[in-house]
Amino acid sequence: MKKKCKTRVMMEENYALLSIPYKNLKEKQIVLQSNDDAIMKFNVSPDVYIKPYEPGIGKIVIEFRSHNRIVGEYIEYLVDVCELECE
């Protein structure tokens, strides 16, 4: 079942961003572990930022300053593995 969490994906020329909100520490841990797995699988090096709003609630932002087809595959993989629903 897809999580309805308003995940945002933005892709422009030489820039890609994935913003994933989390509602508890378990969701945060799943996304971060899946991101580590995706980094190894696709051999990419995104910038990862964690923005807490309050304890256990916040968002994870994953950015690529330059990208190619692999970044799209990485994002699709992460969305699928974490069962995210994108805007």
N, C-alpha and C. Protein backbone atom coordinates (compact mmCIF):
# COMPACT_ATOMS: atom_id res chain seq x y z
N MET A 1 0.84 -1.18 0.00
CA MET A 1 0.00 0.00 0.00
C MET A 1 0.89 1.25 0.00
N LYS A 2 0.55 2.19 -0.84
CA LYS A 2 1.33 3.42 -0.95
C LYS A 2 1.07 4.31 0.26
N LYS A 3 2.13 4.98 0.71
CA LYS A 3 2.00 5.96 1.79
C LYS A 3 1.66 7.30 1.17
N LYS A 4 0.66 7.95 1.67
CA LYS A 4 0.27 9.26 1.15
C LYS A 4 0.98 10.32 1.98
N CYS A 5 2.17 10.70 1.54
CA CYS A 5 2.97 11.60 2.36
C CYS A 5 3.46 12.82 1.59
N LYS A 6 2.90 13.06 0.42
CA LYS A 6 3.28 14.24 -0.36
C LYS A 6 4.78 14.29 -0.68
N THR A 7 5.31 13.18 -1.13
CA THR A 7 6.69 13.14 -1.61
C THR A 7 6.76 13.99 -2.87
N ARG A 8 7.79 14.82 -2.96
CA ARG A 8 7.94 15.70 -4.13
C ARG A 8 9.18 15.31 -4.91
N VAL A 9 9.02 15.24 -6.22
CA VAL A 9 10.14 14.99 -7.11
C VAL A 9 10.20 16.16 -8.08
N MET A 10 11.37 16.78 -8.17
CA MET A 10 11.58 17.87 -9.13
C MET A 10 12.83 17.54 -9.94
N MET A 11 12.71 17.60 -11.25
CA MET A 11 13.87 17.36 -12.11
C MET A 11 13.93 18.45 -13.16
N GLU A 12 15.07 19.07 -13.25
CA GLU A 12 15.35 20.08 -14.26
C GLU A 12 16.69 19.74 -14.88
N GLU A 13 17.10 20.53 -15.84
CA GLU A 13 18.40 20.30 -16.44
C GLU A 13 19.49 20.45 -15.38
N ASN A 14 20.27 19.41 -15.19
CA ASN A 14 21.39 19.37 -14.24
C ASN A 14 20.98 19.54 -12.78
N TYR A 15 19.74 19.21 -12.45
CA TYR A 15 19.31 19.29 -11.06
C TYR A 15 18.15 18.33 -10.83
N ALA A 16 18.20 17.62 -9.72
CA ALA A 16 17.09 16.74 -9.33
C ALA A 16 16.95 16.80 -7.82
N LEU A 17 15.71 16.75 -7.34
CA LEU A 17 15.43 16.83 -5.92
C LEU A 17 14.30 15.86 -5.57
N LEU A 18 14.48 15.17 -4.46
CA LEU A 18 13.46 14.29 -3.91
C LEU A 18 13.25 14.71 -2.47
N SER A 19 12.05 15.12 -2.11
CA SER A 19 11.73 15.56 -0.76
C SER A 19 10.72 14.59 -0.16
N ILE A 20 11.12 13.91 0.93
CA ILE A 20 10.30 12.86 1.52
C ILE A 20 9.97 13.20 2.97
N PRO A 21 8.72 13.54 3.28
CA PRO A 21 8.35 13.78 4.67
C PRO A 21 8.25 12.46 5.43
N TYR A 22 8.53 12.53 6.72
CA TYR A 22 8.35 11.36 7.58
C TYR A 22 7.55 11.77 8.81
N LYS A 23 6.73 10.83 9.29
CA LYS A 23 5.83 11.12 10.42
C LYS A 23 6.29 10.48 11.72
N ASN A 24 7.30 9.60 11.62
CA ASN A 24 7.84 8.96 12.82
C ASN A 24 9.25 8.47 12.51
N LEU A 25 9.96 8.07 13.54
CA LEU A 25 11.36 7.67 13.37
C LEU A 25 11.51 6.39 12.56
N LYS A 26 10.51 5.52 12.60
CA LYS A 26 10.58 4.29 11.79
C LYS A 26 10.56 4.63 10.31
N GLU A 27 9.67 5.53 9.88
CA GLU A 27 9.62 5.95 8.48
C GLU A 27 10.94 6.59 8.08
N LYS A 28 11.49 7.43 8.94
CA LYS A 28 12.77 8.08 8.66
C LYS A 28 13.87 7.04 8.46
N GLN A 29 13.91 6.06 9.34
CA GLN A 29 14.93 5.01 9.28
C GLN A 29 14.79 4.19 7.99
N ILE A 30 13.57 3.87 7.59
CA ILE A 30 13.35 3.10 6.37
C ILE A 30 13.87 3.87 5.16
N VAL A 31 13.55 5.16 5.07
CA VAL A 31 13.99 5.98 3.94
C VAL A 31 15.51 6.09 3.92
N LEU A 32 16.12 6.34 5.06
CA LEU A 32 17.58 6.49 5.09
C LEU A 32 18.29 5.19 4.76
N GLN A 33 17.79 4.06 5.24
CA GLN A 33 18.41 2.76 4.91
C GLN A 33 18.23 2.45 3.43
N SER A 34 17.03 2.72 2.90
CA SER A 34 16.78 2.49 1.48
C SER A 34 17.64 3.39 0.63
N ASN A 35 17.87 4.62 1.08
CA ASN A 35 18.74 5.55 0.37
C ASN A 35 20.17 5.01 0.34
N ASP A 36 20.66 4.50 1.46
CA ASP A 36 22.00 3.91 1.49
C ASP A 36 22.10 2.75 0.50
N ASP A 37 21.07 1.91 0.46
CA ASP A 37 21.05 0.78 -0.48
C ASP A 37 21.07 1.28 -1.93
N ALA A 38 20.28 2.32 -2.22
CA ALA A 38 20.21 2.88 -3.58
C ALA A 38 21.54 3.50 -3.99
N ILE A 39 22.21 4.16 -3.06
CA ILE A 39 23.52 4.76 -3.36
C ILE A 39 24.50 3.67 -3.78
N MET A 40 24.50 2.56 -3.08
CA MET A 40 25.39 1.45 -3.43
C MET A 40 24.99 0.82 -4.76
N LYS A 41 23.70 0.62 -4.96
CA LYS A 41 23.20 -0.04 -6.18
C LYS A 41 23.50 0.77 -7.44
N PHE A 42 23.30 2.09 -7.37
CA PHE A 42 23.43 2.94 -8.55
C PHE A 42 24.75 3.71 -8.61
N ASN A 43 25.57 3.57 -7.56
CA ASN A 43 26.87 4.23 -7.52
C ASN A 43 26.74 5.75 -7.76
N VAL A 44 25.88 6.38 -6.96
CA VAL A 44 25.65 7.82 -7.04
C VAL A 44 26.02 8.46 -5.71
N SER A 45 26.16 9.78 -5.71
CA SER A 45 26.53 10.51 -4.50
C SER A 45 25.65 11.74 -4.32
N PRO A 46 24.40 11.55 -3.88
CA PRO A 46 23.53 12.70 -3.68
C PRO A 46 23.87 13.43 -2.39
N ASP A 47 23.43 14.68 -2.31
CA ASP A 47 23.48 15.42 -1.05
C ASP A 47 22.19 15.06 -0.31
N VAL A 48 22.32 14.69 0.96
CA VAL A 48 21.17 14.29 1.76
C VAL A 48 21.08 15.21 2.97
N TYR A 49 19.90 15.81 3.13
CA TYR A 49 19.65 16.72 4.25
C TYR A 49 18.46 16.20 5.04
N ILE A 50 18.54 16.32 6.35
CA ILE A 50 17.43 15.95 7.21
C ILE A 50 16.94 17.22 7.89
N LYS A 51 15.67 17.52 7.71
CA LYS A 51 15.07 18.73 8.27
C LYS A 51 14.00 18.33 9.28
N PRO A 52 14.36 18.28 10.59
CA PRO A 52 13.34 17.95 11.58
C PRO A 52 12.45 19.16 11.87
N TYR A 53 11.14 18.89 12.01
CA TYR A 53 10.20 19.95 12.39
C TYR A 53 9.95 19.89 13.89
N GLU A 54 9.89 18.68 14.40
CA GLU A 54 9.76 18.42 15.83
C GLU A 54 10.26 16.99 16.03
N PRO A 55 10.48 16.53 17.25
CA PRO A 55 11.02 15.19 17.44
C PRO A 55 10.18 14.12 16.72
N GLY A 56 10.83 13.39 15.83
CA GLY A 56 10.18 12.31 15.11
C GLY A 56 9.42 12.71 13.86
N ILE A 57 9.34 13.99 13.56
CA ILE A 57 8.61 14.48 12.38
C ILE A 57 9.51 15.44 11.60
N GLY A 58 9.54 15.27 10.29
CA GLY A 58 10.36 16.15 9.47
C GLY A 58 10.36 15.71 8.03
N LYS A 59 11.44 16.03 7.33
CA LYS A 59 11.57 15.59 5.94
C LYS A 59 13.02 15.31 5.62
N ILE A 60 13.21 14.45 4.64
CA ILE A 60 14.52 14.12 4.12
C ILE A 60 14.57 14.67 2.70
N VAL A 61 15.59 15.45 2.40
CA VAL A 61 15.74 16.04 1.07
C VAL A 61 16.99 15.44 0.44
N ILE A 62 16.83 14.91 -0.77
CA ILE A 62 17.93 14.29 -1.51
C ILE A 62 18.10 15.09 -2.79
N GLU A 63 19.32 15.62 -3.01
CA GLU A 63 19.58 16.51 -4.15
C GLU A 63 20.72 15.98 -5.00
N PHE A 64 20.58 16.19 -6.29
CA PHE A 64 21.65 15.95 -7.25
C PHE A 64 21.89 17.25 -8.00
N ARG A 65 23.11 17.74 -7.99
CA ARG A 65 23.44 19.00 -8.70
C ARG A 65 23.62 18.77 -10.19
N SER A 66 24.03 17.61 -10.58
CA SER A 66 24.09 17.23 -11.99
C SER A 66 23.57 15.81 -12.06
N HIS A 67 22.90 15.47 -13.13
CA HIS A 67 22.35 14.12 -13.17
C HIS A 67 22.29 13.59 -14.58
N ASN A 68 22.05 12.30 -14.65
CA ASN A 68 21.86 11.61 -15.91
C ASN A 68 20.73 10.60 -15.73
N ARG A 69 20.60 9.68 -16.63
CA ARG A 69 19.52 8.70 -16.58
C ARG A 69 19.55 7.87 -15.30
N ILE A 70 20.73 7.62 -14.77
CA ILE A 70 20.87 6.81 -13.55
C ILE A 70 20.13 7.47 -12.37
N VAL A 71 20.16 8.79 -12.30
CA VAL A 71 19.48 9.49 -11.20
C VAL A 71 17.97 9.23 -11.26
N GLY A 72 17.40 9.22 -12.45
CA GLY A 72 15.98 8.90 -12.59
C GLY A 72 15.69 7.49 -12.12
N GLU A 73 16.56 6.55 -12.46
CA GLU A 73 16.39 5.17 -12.01
C GLU A 73 16.53 5.08 -10.50
N TYR A 74 17.46 5.82 -9.94
CA TYR A 74 17.66 5.86 -8.48
C TYR A 74 16.39 6.36 -7.79
N ILE A 75 15.81 7.45 -8.30
CA ILE A 75 14.59 8.01 -7.71
C ILE A 75 13.44 7.02 -7.83
N GLU A 76 13.26 6.41 -9.00
CA GLU A 76 12.20 5.42 -9.18
C GLU A 76 12.38 4.26 -8.21
N TYR A 77 13.60 3.80 -8.03
CA TYR A 77 13.89 2.71 -7.11
C TYR A 77 13.50 3.10 -5.68
N LEU A 78 13.92 4.28 -5.25
CA LEU A 78 13.64 4.72 -3.88
C LEU A 78 12.13 4.89 -3.65
N VAL A 79 11.43 5.46 -4.61
CA VAL A 79 9.98 5.64 -4.50
C VAL A 79 9.30 4.27 -4.41
N ASP A 80 9.76 3.31 -5.21
CA ASP A 80 9.16 1.99 -5.21
C ASP A 80 9.46 1.23 -3.91
N VAL A 81 10.72 1.20 -3.50
CA VAL A 81 11.12 0.45 -2.30
C VAL A 81 10.45 1.01 -1.04
N CYS A 82 10.37 2.33 -0.94
CA CYS A 82 9.77 2.95 0.24
C CYS A 82 8.25 3.09 0.12
N GLU A 83 7.70 2.66 -1.03
CA GLU A 83 6.26 2.73 -1.29
C GLU A 83 5.73 4.15 -1.10
N LEU A 84 6.37 5.09 -1.77
CA LEU A 84 6.00 6.49 -1.65
C LEU A 84 5.01 6.88 -2.74
N GLU A 85 4.18 7.84 -2.46
CA GLU A 85 3.28 8.41 -3.46
C GLU A 85 3.77 9.82 -3.75
N CYS A 86 4.03 10.10 -5.02
CA CYS A 86 4.63 11.38 -5.40
C CYS A 86 3.61 12.37 -5.91
N GLU A 87 3.93 13.65 -5.71
CA GLU A 87 3.13 14.73 -6.28
C GLU A 87 3.63 15.01 -7.67
